[in-house]
């Protein structure tokens, strides 16, 4: 898929105020320091489409971007570590939950996981919640440029083994790097194929 346009639409904390209409949506979410904004900017080939920051927890609203006038990319607040008050964290965790449970336009969520680490409790708990709530998702392993291929493979297999303790099969996954564009074609191609399937219905 070639990206011909990517434009900011709106930010809000109320799912009811998200864009109307039937355009398909793909949500990106991950732990607060997983490199989500950098990945989104890499996918869209825009330097500052999603705001990057050295301070984790920068994204605190539901952010909609219109891509190719045909689908929405949704940038969601991170879960886990963020330098915000407990009350603020509760507020945006509530609207994250509401987004996933109520947003009918959502086709798929991409859950971002830092490939440099062994399975993290906060990631496993969120993946489990997604599964229990029957929300379709794929996993994106980020920061692949920081590790050798063998180490990446070991860490991904460790995640799969953890998930298989309670799941029949593991979700599809992608390996990416915002620095060297690893995984960009595969991810955009996958989104394109899902859009094509829906258009054919």
N, C-alpha and C. Protein backbone atom coordinates (compact mmCIF):
# COMPACT_ATOMS: atom_id res chain seq x y z
N UNK A 1 0.84 -1.19 0.00
CA UNK A 1 0.00 0.00 0.00
C UNK A 1 0.88 1.25 0.00
N UNK A 2 0.58 2.14 -0.91
CA UNK A 2 1.29 3.42 -0.95
C UNK A 2 0.51 4.46 -0.15
N UNK A 3 1.22 5.20 0.72
CA UNK A 3 0.56 6.25 1.50
C UNK A 3 0.59 7.54 0.69
N UNK A 4 -0.59 7.98 0.28
CA UNK A 4 -0.68 9.21 -0.52
C UNK A 4 -1.09 10.42 0.31
N UNK A 5 -1.76 10.16 1.44
CA UNK A 5 -2.15 11.28 2.31
C UNK A 5 -2.34 10.76 3.73
N UNK A 6 -2.00 11.60 4.69
CA UNK A 6 -2.18 11.26 6.11
C UNK A 6 -2.43 12.57 6.84
N UNK A 7 -3.62 12.71 7.37
CA UNK A 7 -3.98 13.98 8.00
C UNK A 7 -4.66 13.78 9.34
N UNK A 8 -4.33 14.64 10.27
CA UNK A 8 -4.95 14.61 11.59
C UNK A 8 -6.43 14.99 11.48
N UNK A 9 -7.28 14.23 12.20
CA UNK A 9 -8.72 14.50 12.18
C UNK A 9 -9.18 15.10 13.50
N UNK A 10 -8.94 14.39 14.60
CA UNK A 10 -9.40 14.89 15.90
C UNK A 10 -8.76 14.12 17.05
N UNK A 11 -8.78 14.76 18.23
CA UNK A 11 -8.40 14.12 19.49
C UNK A 11 -9.55 14.28 20.45
N UNK A 12 -9.87 13.23 21.19
CA UNK A 12 -10.88 13.37 22.23
C UNK A 12 -10.81 12.21 23.21
N UNK A 13 -11.56 12.33 24.29
CA UNK A 13 -11.58 11.28 25.31
C UNK A 13 -12.96 10.64 25.41
N UNK A 14 -13.81 10.90 24.43
CA UNK A 14 -15.18 10.40 24.44
C UNK A 14 -15.42 9.59 23.16
N UNK A 15 -15.61 8.30 23.33
CA UNK A 15 -15.78 7.42 22.17
C UNK A 15 -16.98 7.86 21.32
N UNK A 16 -18.00 8.39 21.96
CA UNK A 16 -19.20 8.82 21.24
C UNK A 16 -18.90 9.96 20.27
N UNK A 17 -17.80 10.68 20.50
CA UNK A 17 -17.45 11.82 19.64
C UNK A 17 -16.43 11.45 18.57
N UNK A 18 -16.04 10.19 18.49
CA UNK A 18 -15.13 9.75 17.43
C UNK A 18 -15.81 9.91 16.08
N UNK A 19 -15.03 9.94 14.99
CA UNK A 19 -15.61 10.18 13.67
C UNK A 19 -16.77 9.25 13.34
N UNK A 20 -17.80 9.82 12.75
CA UNK A 20 -18.95 9.02 12.31
C UNK A 20 -18.59 8.36 10.97
N UNK A 21 -19.51 7.62 10.44
CA UNK A 21 -19.27 6.98 9.16
C UNK A 21 -18.77 5.56 9.31
N UNK A 22 -18.43 4.95 8.19
CA UNK A 22 -18.10 3.52 8.19
C UNK A 22 -16.66 3.22 7.78
N UNK A 23 -15.80 4.23 7.76
CA UNK A 23 -14.42 3.96 7.37
C UNK A 23 -13.76 3.00 8.36
N UNK A 24 -13.03 2.01 7.86
CA UNK A 24 -12.36 1.06 8.76
C UNK A 24 -11.29 1.73 9.60
N UNK A 25 -11.11 1.22 10.83
CA UNK A 25 -10.13 1.78 11.75
C UNK A 25 -9.13 0.73 12.20
N UNK A 26 -7.90 1.17 12.37
CA UNK A 26 -6.83 0.32 12.89
C UNK A 26 -6.19 1.07 14.06
N UNK A 27 -6.29 0.49 15.25
CA UNK A 27 -5.82 1.17 16.46
C UNK A 27 -4.42 0.67 16.83
N UNK A 28 -3.59 1.60 17.28
CA UNK A 28 -2.23 1.29 17.73
C UNK A 28 -2.13 1.61 19.22
N UNK A 29 -1.70 0.61 19.99
CA UNK A 29 -1.60 0.79 21.43
C UNK A 29 -0.43 -0.03 21.96
N UNK A 30 0.17 0.44 23.04
CA UNK A 30 1.27 -0.30 23.64
C UNK A 30 1.68 0.36 24.93
N UNK A 31 2.65 -0.24 25.59
CA UNK A 31 3.18 0.37 26.80
C UNK A 31 3.74 1.75 26.49
N UNK A 32 3.75 2.61 27.47
CA UNK A 32 4.00 4.04 27.23
C UNK A 32 5.35 4.36 26.60
N UNK A 33 6.33 3.49 26.71
CA UNK A 33 7.65 3.79 26.13
C UNK A 33 8.05 2.80 25.05
N UNK A 34 7.06 2.31 24.32
CA UNK A 34 7.32 1.24 23.35
C UNK A 34 7.74 1.75 21.97
N UNK A 35 7.63 3.08 21.75
CA UNK A 35 8.01 3.63 20.45
C UNK A 35 6.86 3.73 19.47
N UNK A 36 5.64 3.91 20.01
CA UNK A 36 4.44 3.92 19.16
C UNK A 36 4.42 5.10 18.19
N UNK A 37 4.69 6.30 18.69
CA UNK A 37 4.65 7.48 17.83
C UNK A 37 5.69 7.38 16.71
N UNK A 38 6.87 6.90 17.05
CA UNK A 38 7.92 6.75 16.03
C UNK A 38 7.51 5.74 14.97
N UNK A 39 6.86 4.66 15.38
CA UNK A 39 6.40 3.64 14.43
C UNK A 39 5.34 4.22 13.51
N UNK A 40 4.37 4.96 14.07
CA UNK A 40 3.31 5.55 13.24
C UNK A 40 3.91 6.52 12.23
N UNK A 41 4.83 7.35 12.67
CA UNK A 41 5.48 8.30 11.75
C UNK A 41 6.25 7.57 10.65
N UNK A 42 6.89 6.46 11.01
CA UNK A 42 7.61 5.67 10.01
C UNK A 42 6.65 5.07 8.98
N UNK A 43 5.54 4.51 9.46
CA UNK A 43 4.57 3.91 8.55
C UNK A 43 4.01 4.93 7.56
N UNK A 44 3.72 6.11 8.08
CA UNK A 44 3.12 7.15 7.25
C UNK A 44 4.16 8.00 6.52
N UNK A 45 5.45 7.78 6.81
CA UNK A 45 6.55 8.59 6.25
C UNK A 45 6.33 10.08 6.50
N UNK A 46 5.93 10.38 7.73
CA UNK A 46 5.77 11.76 8.18
C UNK A 46 6.59 11.94 9.45
N UNK A 47 7.32 13.04 9.55
CA UNK A 47 8.19 13.24 10.72
C UNK A 47 7.42 13.47 12.01
N UNK A 48 6.35 14.24 11.93
CA UNK A 48 5.67 14.65 13.15
C UNK A 48 4.16 14.44 13.11
N UNK A 49 3.73 13.40 12.41
CA UNK A 49 2.28 13.13 12.38
C UNK A 49 1.81 12.79 13.80
N UNK A 50 2.47 11.81 14.41
CA UNK A 50 2.21 11.50 15.81
C UNK A 50 3.32 12.15 16.63
N UNK A 51 2.95 12.76 17.74
CA UNK A 51 3.91 13.50 18.55
C UNK A 51 4.82 12.55 19.31
N UNK A 52 6.12 12.65 19.07
CA UNK A 52 7.09 11.84 19.81
C UNK A 52 7.63 12.66 20.97
N UNK A 53 8.07 11.95 21.99
CA UNK A 53 8.58 12.64 23.17
C UNK A 53 9.53 11.74 23.92
N UNK A 54 10.51 12.34 24.57
CA UNK A 54 11.39 11.57 25.44
C UNK A 54 10.70 11.19 26.73
N UNK A 55 9.54 11.79 26.98
CA UNK A 55 8.80 11.51 28.21
C UNK A 55 7.67 10.55 27.90
N UNK A 56 7.73 9.30 28.42
CA UNK A 56 6.66 8.34 28.18
C UNK A 56 5.31 8.87 28.66
N UNK A 57 4.25 8.43 27.99
CA UNK A 57 2.91 8.83 28.39
C UNK A 57 2.43 10.10 27.74
N UNK A 58 3.06 10.49 26.63
CA UNK A 58 2.70 11.74 25.96
C UNK A 58 1.28 11.68 25.39
N UNK A 59 0.92 10.55 24.79
CA UNK A 59 -0.41 10.40 24.21
C UNK A 59 -1.42 10.15 25.33
N UNK A 60 -2.40 11.03 25.47
CA UNK A 60 -3.39 10.86 26.53
C UNK A 60 -4.82 11.01 26.02
N UNK A 61 -4.98 10.98 24.69
CA UNK A 61 -6.30 11.07 24.09
C UNK A 61 -6.42 10.05 22.96
N UNK A 62 -7.64 9.85 22.49
CA UNK A 62 -7.87 9.04 21.29
C UNK A 62 -7.60 9.95 20.09
N UNK A 63 -6.59 9.63 19.30
CA UNK A 63 -6.21 10.48 18.16
C UNK A 63 -6.53 9.77 16.85
N UNK A 64 -7.35 10.41 16.02
CA UNK A 64 -7.73 9.86 14.72
C UNK A 64 -6.96 10.55 13.59
N UNK A 65 -6.42 9.74 12.68
CA UNK A 65 -5.77 10.26 11.47
C UNK A 65 -6.43 9.60 10.26
N UNK A 66 -6.74 10.39 9.25
CA UNK A 66 -7.34 9.87 8.01
C UNK A 66 -6.23 9.56 7.02
N UNK A 67 -6.19 8.30 6.59
CA UNK A 67 -5.12 7.83 5.71
C UNK A 67 -5.69 7.53 4.32
N UNK A 68 -5.07 8.12 3.31
CA UNK A 68 -5.48 7.90 1.90
C UNK A 68 -6.97 8.16 1.68
N UNK A 69 -7.57 9.01 2.53
CA UNK A 69 -9.01 9.32 2.44
C UNK A 69 -9.88 8.07 2.55
N UNK A 70 -9.28 6.96 3.04
CA UNK A 70 -9.98 5.68 2.96
C UNK A 70 -10.10 4.94 4.29
N UNK A 71 -9.20 5.21 5.25
CA UNK A 71 -9.27 4.51 6.53
C UNK A 71 -8.65 5.37 7.62
N UNK A 72 -8.99 5.02 8.86
CA UNK A 72 -8.48 5.77 10.00
C UNK A 72 -7.40 4.98 10.74
N UNK A 73 -6.32 5.66 11.04
CA UNK A 73 -5.33 5.15 11.97
C UNK A 73 -5.63 5.81 13.31
N UNK A 74 -5.72 5.01 14.37
CA UNK A 74 -6.08 5.54 15.69
C UNK A 74 -4.91 5.33 16.65
N UNK A 75 -4.41 6.43 17.18
CA UNK A 75 -3.31 6.43 18.12
C UNK A 75 -3.90 6.53 19.53
N UNK A 76 -3.73 5.46 20.32
CA UNK A 76 -4.33 5.39 21.65
C UNK A 76 -3.29 5.60 22.74
N UNK A 77 -3.73 6.08 23.92
CA UNK A 77 -2.78 6.24 25.04
C UNK A 77 -2.12 4.92 25.43
N UNK A 78 -0.90 5.02 25.92
CA UNK A 78 -0.20 3.82 26.36
C UNK A 78 -0.74 3.31 27.68
N UNK A 79 -0.51 2.03 27.91
CA UNK A 79 -0.87 1.45 29.21
C UNK A 79 0.43 1.23 29.99
N UNK A 80 0.29 0.98 31.27
CA UNK A 80 1.49 0.76 32.07
C UNK A 80 2.14 2.06 32.47
N UNK A 81 3.45 2.09 32.45
CA UNK A 81 4.19 3.24 32.98
C UNK A 81 3.89 4.53 32.22
N UNK A 82 3.59 5.56 32.96
CA UNK A 82 3.47 6.91 32.39
C UNK A 82 3.53 7.89 33.56
N UNK A 83 4.17 9.01 33.33
CA UNK A 83 4.30 10.01 34.41
C UNK A 83 3.05 10.87 34.50
N UNK A 84 1.96 10.22 34.86
CA UNK A 84 0.72 10.96 35.07
C UNK A 84 0.14 10.51 36.40
N UNK A 85 -0.76 11.29 36.95
CA UNK A 85 -1.36 10.94 38.24
C UNK A 85 -2.25 9.70 38.10
N UNK A 86 -2.49 9.04 39.22
CA UNK A 86 -3.34 7.85 39.20
C UNK A 86 -4.75 8.19 38.70
N UNK A 87 -5.24 9.36 39.06
CA UNK A 87 -6.58 9.75 38.63
C UNK A 87 -6.63 9.95 37.12
N UNK A 88 -5.59 10.59 36.56
CA UNK A 88 -5.53 10.78 35.10
C UNK A 88 -5.44 9.43 34.40
N UNK A 89 -4.63 8.53 34.95
CA UNK A 89 -4.45 7.21 34.34
C UNK A 89 -5.78 6.45 34.31
N UNK A 90 -6.55 6.55 35.41
CA UNK A 90 -7.85 5.88 35.45
C UNK A 90 -8.78 6.42 34.38
N UNK A 91 -8.74 7.73 34.16
CA UNK A 91 -9.62 8.35 33.16
C UNK A 91 -9.31 7.82 31.78
N UNK A 92 -8.01 7.84 31.38
CA UNK A 92 -7.80 7.40 30.01
C UNK A 92 -7.78 5.89 29.85
N UNK A 93 -7.58 5.15 30.93
CA UNK A 93 -7.76 3.70 30.83
C UNK A 93 -9.24 3.36 30.62
N UNK A 94 -10.10 4.19 31.22
CA UNK A 94 -11.54 3.98 31.04
C UNK A 94 -11.94 4.21 29.59
N UNK A 95 -11.43 5.29 28.97
CA UNK A 95 -11.88 5.49 27.59
C UNK A 95 -11.17 4.57 26.59
N UNK A 96 -10.02 4.03 26.96
CA UNK A 96 -9.42 2.98 26.13
C UNK A 96 -10.35 1.77 26.12
N UNK A 97 -10.79 1.37 27.32
CA UNK A 97 -11.71 0.23 27.43
C UNK A 97 -12.98 0.47 26.64
N UNK A 98 -13.55 1.65 26.78
CA UNK A 98 -14.78 1.98 26.05
C UNK A 98 -14.55 1.98 24.54
N UNK A 99 -13.40 2.49 24.12
CA UNK A 99 -13.10 2.49 22.69
C UNK A 99 -13.14 1.06 22.14
N UNK A 100 -12.43 0.16 22.78
CA UNK A 100 -12.36 -1.21 22.28
C UNK A 100 -13.70 -1.93 22.34
N UNK A 101 -14.48 -1.64 23.36
CA UNK A 101 -15.74 -2.36 23.52
C UNK A 101 -16.89 -1.78 22.70
N UNK A 102 -16.79 -0.50 22.33
CA UNK A 102 -17.92 0.16 21.67
C UNK A 102 -17.68 0.57 20.22
N UNK A 103 -16.44 0.68 19.81
CA UNK A 103 -16.15 1.25 18.49
C UNK A 103 -16.35 0.21 17.39
N UNK A 104 -17.48 0.28 16.71
CA UNK A 104 -17.83 -0.72 15.70
C UNK A 104 -16.98 -0.62 14.45
N UNK A 105 -16.38 0.54 14.20
CA UNK A 105 -15.55 0.70 13.00
C UNK A 105 -14.18 0.02 13.13
N UNK A 106 -13.83 -0.39 14.34
CA UNK A 106 -12.51 -1.01 14.57
C UNK A 106 -12.42 -2.35 13.85
N UNK A 107 -11.44 -2.46 12.97
CA UNK A 107 -11.18 -3.72 12.26
C UNK A 107 -10.18 -4.56 13.04
N UNK A 108 -9.12 -3.90 13.51
CA UNK A 108 -8.03 -4.62 14.16
C UNK A 108 -7.23 -3.65 15.03
N UNK A 109 -6.77 -4.16 16.16
CA UNK A 109 -5.84 -3.39 16.99
C UNK A 109 -4.44 -3.97 16.82
N UNK A 110 -3.47 -3.10 16.78
CA UNK A 110 -2.07 -3.52 16.80
C UNK A 110 -1.52 -3.22 18.18
N UNK A 111 -1.14 -4.27 18.90
CA UNK A 111 -0.57 -4.10 20.24
C UNK A 111 0.95 -4.14 20.12
N UNK A 112 1.59 -3.04 20.50
CA UNK A 112 3.03 -2.91 20.34
C UNK A 112 3.77 -3.42 21.56
N UNK A 113 4.80 -4.21 21.31
CA UNK A 113 5.61 -4.81 22.38
C UNK A 113 7.08 -4.60 22.04
N UNK A 114 7.86 -4.17 23.00
CA UNK A 114 9.30 -3.94 22.82
C UNK A 114 10.01 -5.29 22.74
N UNK A 115 10.61 -5.60 21.59
CA UNK A 115 11.20 -6.92 21.39
C UNK A 115 12.48 -7.14 22.21
N UNK A 116 13.00 -6.08 22.83
CA UNK A 116 14.25 -6.21 23.57
C UNK A 116 14.09 -6.92 24.91
N UNK A 117 12.85 -7.05 25.36
CA UNK A 117 12.61 -7.57 26.70
C UNK A 117 11.95 -8.94 26.69
N UNK A 118 12.20 -9.69 27.75
CA UNK A 118 11.45 -10.92 27.97
C UNK A 118 10.00 -10.54 28.28
N UNK A 119 9.08 -11.50 28.23
CA UNK A 119 7.66 -11.18 28.44
C UNK A 119 7.43 -10.35 29.71
N UNK A 120 6.75 -9.22 29.52
CA UNK A 120 6.46 -8.32 30.62
C UNK A 120 5.04 -8.54 31.12
N UNK A 121 4.88 -8.50 32.44
CA UNK A 121 3.57 -8.76 33.06
C UNK A 121 2.50 -7.82 32.50
N UNK A 122 2.82 -6.53 32.38
CA UNK A 122 1.81 -5.55 31.94
C UNK A 122 1.37 -5.84 30.50
N UNK A 123 2.29 -6.28 29.65
CA UNK A 123 1.93 -6.63 28.27
C UNK A 123 1.07 -7.89 28.23
N UNK A 124 1.48 -8.90 28.97
CA UNK A 124 0.74 -10.16 28.97
C UNK A 124 -0.68 -9.96 29.50
N UNK A 125 -0.82 -9.11 30.53
CA UNK A 125 -2.16 -8.85 31.08
C UNK A 125 -3.04 -8.13 30.07
N UNK A 126 -2.45 -7.19 29.32
CA UNK A 126 -3.25 -6.47 28.33
C UNK A 126 -3.64 -7.40 27.17
N UNK A 127 -2.72 -8.23 26.72
CA UNK A 127 -3.03 -9.18 25.65
C UNK A 127 -4.14 -10.14 26.10
N UNK A 128 -4.07 -10.56 27.36
CA UNK A 128 -5.09 -11.45 27.90
C UNK A 128 -6.45 -10.75 27.92
N UNK A 129 -6.46 -9.48 28.31
CA UNK A 129 -7.72 -8.71 28.34
C UNK A 129 -8.31 -8.60 26.94
N UNK A 130 -7.46 -8.34 25.95
CA UNK A 130 -7.94 -8.24 24.57
C UNK A 130 -8.57 -9.56 24.13
N UNK A 131 -7.90 -10.66 24.46
CA UNK A 131 -8.42 -11.97 24.09
C UNK A 131 -9.74 -12.28 24.77
N UNK A 132 -9.81 -12.00 26.07
CA UNK A 132 -11.03 -12.29 26.82
C UNK A 132 -12.22 -11.47 26.33
N UNK A 133 -11.93 -10.27 25.82
CA UNK A 133 -12.99 -9.40 25.31
C UNK A 133 -13.23 -9.57 23.81
N UNK A 134 -12.56 -10.56 23.24
CA UNK A 134 -12.74 -10.93 21.83
C UNK A 134 -12.51 -9.75 20.88
N UNK A 135 -11.46 -8.98 21.17
CA UNK A 135 -11.09 -7.86 20.32
C UNK A 135 -9.98 -8.32 19.38
N UNK A 136 -10.20 -8.27 18.07
CA UNK A 136 -9.18 -8.77 17.14
C UNK A 136 -7.91 -7.93 17.20
N UNK A 137 -6.77 -8.58 17.27
CA UNK A 137 -5.52 -7.84 17.33
C UNK A 137 -4.36 -8.64 16.77
N UNK A 138 -3.34 -7.93 16.36
CA UNK A 138 -2.04 -8.51 16.02
C UNK A 138 -1.00 -7.84 16.92
N UNK A 139 0.14 -8.49 17.06
CA UNK A 139 1.22 -7.94 17.87
C UNK A 139 2.28 -7.34 16.95
N UNK A 140 2.76 -6.14 17.29
CA UNK A 140 3.90 -5.55 16.59
C UNK A 140 5.06 -5.50 17.57
N UNK A 141 6.12 -6.22 17.25
CA UNK A 141 7.34 -6.15 18.06
C UNK A 141 8.19 -5.00 17.52
N UNK A 142 8.47 -4.03 18.39
CA UNK A 142 9.18 -2.81 17.98
C UNK A 142 10.67 -2.86 18.33
N UNK A 143 11.41 -1.91 17.78
CA UNK A 143 12.83 -1.69 18.09
C UNK A 143 13.72 -2.87 17.72
N UNK A 144 13.40 -3.50 16.57
CA UNK A 144 14.16 -4.67 16.13
C UNK A 144 15.60 -4.33 15.78
N UNK A 145 15.89 -3.06 15.51
CA UNK A 145 17.27 -2.67 15.18
C UNK A 145 18.18 -2.71 16.40
N UNK A 146 17.61 -2.85 17.60
CA UNK A 146 18.39 -2.82 18.84
C UNK A 146 18.94 -4.18 19.24
N UNK A 147 18.48 -5.25 18.56
CA UNK A 147 18.89 -6.61 18.94
C UNK A 147 19.33 -7.40 17.73
N UNK A 148 20.13 -8.44 17.98
CA UNK A 148 20.49 -9.37 16.91
C UNK A 148 19.31 -10.29 16.64
N UNK A 149 19.21 -10.80 15.39
CA UNK A 149 18.06 -11.64 15.02
C UNK A 149 17.80 -12.81 15.97
N UNK A 150 18.87 -13.45 16.44
CA UNK A 150 18.69 -14.59 17.34
C UNK A 150 18.02 -14.20 18.64
N UNK A 151 18.40 -13.05 19.19
CA UNK A 151 17.80 -12.58 20.44
C UNK A 151 16.34 -12.19 20.23
N UNK A 152 16.04 -11.56 19.09
CA UNK A 152 14.65 -11.21 18.77
C UNK A 152 13.80 -12.48 18.72
N UNK A 153 14.32 -13.48 18.04
CA UNK A 153 13.60 -14.74 17.88
C UNK A 153 13.32 -15.38 19.25
N UNK A 154 14.31 -15.38 20.12
CA UNK A 154 14.15 -15.97 21.46
C UNK A 154 13.07 -15.24 22.26
N UNK A 155 13.10 -13.91 22.21
CA UNK A 155 12.13 -13.13 22.99
C UNK A 155 10.71 -13.30 22.46
N UNK A 156 10.56 -13.35 21.14
CA UNK A 156 9.23 -13.56 20.56
C UNK A 156 8.71 -14.95 20.91
N UNK A 157 9.58 -15.94 20.83
CA UNK A 157 9.17 -17.30 21.19
C UNK A 157 8.76 -17.39 22.65
N UNK A 158 9.43 -16.61 23.50
CA UNK A 158 9.07 -16.61 24.93
C UNK A 158 7.66 -16.04 25.12
N UNK A 159 7.33 -14.99 24.36
CA UNK A 159 5.97 -14.45 24.42
C UNK A 159 4.95 -15.48 23.94
N UNK A 160 5.27 -16.13 22.85
CA UNK A 160 4.33 -17.12 22.29
C UNK A 160 4.11 -18.27 23.27
N UNK A 161 5.18 -18.71 23.93
CA UNK A 161 5.04 -19.80 24.91
C UNK A 161 4.16 -19.38 26.07
N UNK A 162 4.32 -18.13 26.53
CA UNK A 162 3.48 -17.62 27.62
C UNK A 162 2.01 -17.58 27.19
N UNK A 163 1.75 -17.08 25.98
CA UNK A 163 0.37 -16.98 25.50
C UNK A 163 -0.26 -18.36 25.33
N UNK A 164 0.53 -19.32 24.88
CA UNK A 164 0.01 -20.66 24.62
C UNK A 164 -0.34 -21.41 25.91
N UNK A 165 0.02 -20.84 27.05
CA UNK A 165 -0.39 -21.44 28.32
C UNK A 165 -1.91 -21.32 28.50
N UNK A 166 -2.51 -20.31 27.87
CA UNK A 166 -3.96 -20.11 28.00
C UNK A 166 -4.68 -19.99 26.66
N UNK A 167 -3.93 -19.88 25.55
CA UNK A 167 -4.53 -19.70 24.23
C UNK A 167 -4.30 -20.95 23.37
N UNK A 168 -5.21 -21.19 22.45
CA UNK A 168 -5.04 -22.31 21.52
C UNK A 168 -4.00 -22.00 20.46
N UNK A 169 -3.96 -20.75 20.04
CA UNK A 169 -2.95 -20.32 19.06
C UNK A 169 -2.59 -18.87 19.32
N UNK A 170 -1.43 -18.49 18.85
CA UNK A 170 -0.97 -17.12 19.09
C UNK A 170 -1.43 -16.21 17.95
N UNK A 171 -1.64 -14.92 18.23
CA UNK A 171 -2.04 -13.98 17.17
C UNK A 171 -0.90 -13.73 16.19
N UNK A 172 -1.25 -13.23 15.03
CA UNK A 172 -0.24 -12.87 14.04
C UNK A 172 0.67 -11.78 14.62
N UNK A 173 1.95 -11.82 14.23
CA UNK A 173 2.86 -10.78 14.71
C UNK A 173 3.73 -10.23 13.59
N UNK A 174 4.22 -9.02 13.81
CA UNK A 174 5.12 -8.34 12.87
C UNK A 174 6.34 -7.85 13.64
N UNK A 175 7.48 -7.87 12.98
CA UNK A 175 8.72 -7.37 13.57
C UNK A 175 9.07 -6.06 12.87
N UNK A 176 9.26 -4.99 13.66
CA UNK A 176 9.45 -3.67 13.06
C UNK A 176 10.60 -2.90 13.68
N UNK A 177 11.04 -1.90 12.95
CA UNK A 177 11.97 -0.90 13.47
C UNK A 177 11.64 0.44 12.82
N UNK A 178 11.41 1.44 13.66
CA UNK A 178 11.13 2.77 13.13
C UNK A 178 12.38 3.40 12.53
N UNK A 179 13.54 2.91 12.94
CA UNK A 179 14.81 3.49 12.47
C UNK A 179 15.17 3.07 11.06
N UNK A 180 14.95 1.81 10.73
CA UNK A 180 15.38 1.33 9.40
C UNK A 180 14.22 0.81 8.54
N UNK A 181 12.97 1.11 8.96
CA UNK A 181 11.77 0.78 8.17
C UNK A 181 11.47 -0.72 8.09
N UNK A 182 12.11 -1.51 8.94
CA UNK A 182 11.79 -2.94 9.00
C UNK A 182 10.30 -3.12 9.27
N UNK A 183 9.66 -3.97 8.48
CA UNK A 183 8.27 -4.33 8.70
C UNK A 183 7.25 -3.39 8.08
N UNK A 184 7.71 -2.27 7.52
CA UNK A 184 6.75 -1.29 7.01
C UNK A 184 5.89 -1.86 5.89
N UNK A 185 6.51 -2.47 4.90
CA UNK A 185 5.76 -3.00 3.75
C UNK A 185 4.80 -4.11 4.19
N UNK A 186 5.27 -4.96 5.11
CA UNK A 186 4.42 -6.06 5.57
C UNK A 186 3.18 -5.54 6.31
N UNK A 187 3.39 -4.56 7.17
CA UNK A 187 2.26 -4.01 7.93
C UNK A 187 1.25 -3.30 7.04
N UNK A 188 1.75 -2.43 6.17
CA UNK A 188 0.83 -1.70 5.29
C UNK A 188 0.15 -2.65 4.30
N UNK A 189 0.88 -3.66 3.87
CA UNK A 189 0.28 -4.66 2.98
C UNK A 189 -0.84 -5.42 3.65
N UNK A 190 -0.65 -5.71 4.94
CA UNK A 190 -1.67 -6.43 5.70
C UNK A 190 -2.92 -5.58 5.87
N UNK A 191 -2.73 -4.31 6.22
CA UNK A 191 -3.88 -3.40 6.35
C UNK A 191 -4.59 -3.28 5.00
N UNK A 192 -3.82 -3.15 3.93
CA UNK A 192 -4.41 -3.05 2.60
C UNK A 192 -5.23 -4.27 2.24
N UNK A 193 -4.73 -5.46 2.60
CA UNK A 193 -5.46 -6.69 2.27
C UNK A 193 -6.76 -6.78 3.06
N UNK A 194 -6.74 -6.33 4.33
CA UNK A 194 -7.98 -6.34 5.12
C UNK A 194 -9.00 -5.36 4.56
N UNK A 195 -8.52 -4.19 4.13
CA UNK A 195 -9.42 -3.22 3.50
C UNK A 195 -10.03 -3.78 2.22
N UNK A 196 -9.20 -4.46 1.43
CA UNK A 196 -9.69 -5.06 0.19
C UNK A 196 -10.77 -6.11 0.47
N UNK A 197 -10.55 -6.91 1.51
CA UNK A 197 -11.54 -7.94 1.88
C UNK A 197 -12.88 -7.31 2.23
N UNK A 198 -12.83 -6.21 2.99
CA UNK A 198 -14.08 -5.54 3.39
C UNK A 198 -14.78 -4.89 2.21
N UNK A 199 -13.99 -4.32 1.31
CA UNK A 199 -14.57 -3.69 0.13
C UNK A 199 -15.23 -4.70 -0.79
N UNK A 200 -14.76 -5.96 -0.71
CA UNK A 200 -15.29 -6.99 -1.59
C UNK A 200 -16.61 -7.56 -1.05
N UNK A 201 -16.91 -7.29 0.22
CA UNK A 201 -18.15 -7.83 0.81
C UNK A 201 -19.39 -7.14 0.24
